[in-house]
Amino acid sequence: MKDPLKTGFAERLTAQQEAKKALLAKLKPKPTVVAPVFESREAVKARELEAVRKARADAKEAARLEAEARALAELEAKRGERKERKALTKSEQKAKRDAKYAARKARK
């Protein structure tokens, strides 16, 4: 007589192996769903760092240009004062000359 359920030793071993495989398959990590436009943390951090560096460089350049413009304006102011003093000196010298000339004419 044959066993209708086929519960022989070989069948039990294969059933055990299949159950063990199914249990291990259930415990295996499943592949994660990856976003199509995924950026790694390093890429995001690098992009933010680049933006900060660019902002700092722009601010530094603006400060340098402002200081340069301020120095140029100061130099122009000094030059203007010097020209004004020289013009005043020339006009004073001319006035003295004219006064001497007038005094000399008045004596004669």
Protein backbone atom coordinates (compact mmCIF):
# COMPACT_ATOMS: atom_id res chain seq x y z
CA MET A 1 0.00 0.00 0.00
CA LYS A 2 1.24 3.38 -0.93
CA ASP A 3 0.99 6.47 1.25
CA PRO A 4 -1.51 8.82 -0.40
CA LEU A 5 -0.11 11.93 1.38
CA LYS A 6 3.47 11.13 0.32
CA THR A 7 4.91 11.76 3.72
CA GLY A 8 8.03 9.75 3.17
CA PHE A 9 11.43 10.79 4.47
CA ALA A 10 12.61 12.38 1.22
CA GLU A 11 9.40 14.38 0.86
CA ARG A 12 9.66 15.65 4.41
CA LEU A 13 13.25 16.75 3.82
CA THR A 14 12.32 18.67 0.67
CA ALA A 15 9.33 20.24 2.43
CA GLN A 16 11.63 21.28 5.28
CA GLN A 17 14.14 22.79 2.85
CA GLU A 18 11.40 24.70 1.02
CA ALA A 19 9.99 26.02 4.32
CA LYS A 20 13.47 27.10 5.40
CA LYS A 21 14.03 28.86 2.05
CA ALA A 22 10.66 30.63 2.36
CA LEU A 23 11.51 31.77 5.91
CA LEU A 24 14.93 33.08 4.82
CA ALA A 25 13.36 34.82 1.83
CA LYS A 26 10.94 36.55 4.19
CA LEU A 27 13.85 37.80 6.32
CA LYS A 28 15.94 39.02 3.38
CA PRO A 29 16.10 42.81 3.06
CA LYS A 30 13.90 44.06 0.30
CA PRO A 31 15.28 46.44 -2.30
CA THR A 32 14.47 50.01 -1.39
CA VAL A 33 12.56 52.30 -3.67
CA VAL A 34 14.98 54.92 -4.94
CA ALA A 35 13.67 58.35 -5.85
CA PRO A 36 14.29 59.17 -9.52
CA VAL A 37 15.92 62.54 -8.68
CA PHE A 38 17.80 61.44 -5.61
CA GLU A 39 20.66 63.64 -4.42
CA SER A 40 23.07 62.27 -1.88
CA ARG A 41 23.77 64.16 1.30
CA GLU A 42 27.29 64.85 0.09
CA ALA A 43 26.01 66.43 -3.11
CA VAL A 44 23.52 68.63 -1.22
CA LYS A 45 26.18 69.62 1.29
CA ALA A 46 28.69 70.38 -1.46
CA ARG A 47 26.12 72.52 -3.30
CA GLU A 48 25.27 74.47 -0.13
CA LEU A 49 28.96 74.92 0.69
CA GLU A 50 29.62 76.24 -2.81
CA ALA A 51 26.74 78.71 -2.44
CA VAL A 52 28.12 79.95 0.91
CA ARG A 53 31.62 80.29 -0.54
CA LYS A 54 30.30 82.22 -3.53
CA ALA A 55 28.31 84.56 -1.27
CA ARG A 56 31.39 85.19 0.88
CA ALA A 57 33.56 85.82 -2.17
CA ASP A 58 30.98 88.25 -3.58
CA ALA A 59 30.78 90.10 -0.25
CA LYS A 60 34.58 90.25 -0.03
CA GLU A 61 34.83 91.57 -3.59
CA ALA A 62 32.15 94.20 -2.90
CA ALA A 63 33.99 95.32 0.25
CA ARG A 64 37.25 95.54 -1.68
CA LEU A 65 35.65 97.61 -4.44
CA GLU A 66 34.02 99.87 -1.85
CA ALA A 67 37.33 100.42 -0.06
CA GLU A 68 39.04 101.10 -3.36
CA ALA A 69 36.36 103.64 -4.33
CA ARG A 70 36.60 105.27 -0.90
CA ALA A 71 40.40 105.57 -1.22
CA LEU A 72 40.05 107.03 -4.70
CA ALA A 73 37.47 109.57 -3.49
CA GLU A 74 39.75 110.53 -0.59
CA LEU A 75 42.67 110.99 -2.98
CA GLU A 76 40.53 113.15 -5.29
CA ALA A 77 39.46 115.26 -2.30
CA LYS A 78 43.10 115.80 -1.30
CA ARG A 79 44.00 116.73 -4.85
CA GLY A 80 41.09 119.16 -4.99
CA GLU A 81 42.18 120.80 -1.73
CA ARG A 82 45.76 121.09 -2.97
CA LYS A 83 44.62 122.67 -6.25
CA GLU A 84 42.42 125.09 -4.31
CA ARG A 85 45.31 126.05 -2.01
CA LYS A 86 47.62 126.56 -4.98
CA ALA A 87 45.03 128.67 -6.78
CA LEU A 88 44.52 130.71 -3.62
CA THR A 89 48.27 131.10 -3.22
CA LYS A 90 48.60 132.23 -6.82
CA SER A 91 45.80 134.74 -6.39
CA GLU A 92 47.39 136.00 -3.14
CA GLN A 93 50.75 136.34 -4.86
CA LYS A 94 49.12 138.25 -7.68
CA ALA A 95 47.35 140.50 -5.19
CA LYS A 96 50.67 141.22 -3.39
CA ARG A 97 52.36 141.96 -6.71
CA ASP A 98 49.55 144.26 -7.70
CA ALA A 99 49.71 145.99 -4.30
CA LYS A 100 53.49 146.53 -4.65
CA TYR A 101 53.01 147.81 -8.17
CA ALA A 102 50.26 150.16 -7.00
CA ALA A 103 52.42 151.36 -4.07
CA ARG A 104 55.34 151.99 -6.39
CA LYS A 105 53.10 153.94 -8.75
CA ALA A 106 51.71 155.94 -5.86
CA ARG A 107 55.19 156.93 -4.69
CA LYS A 108 56.19 158.36 -8.05
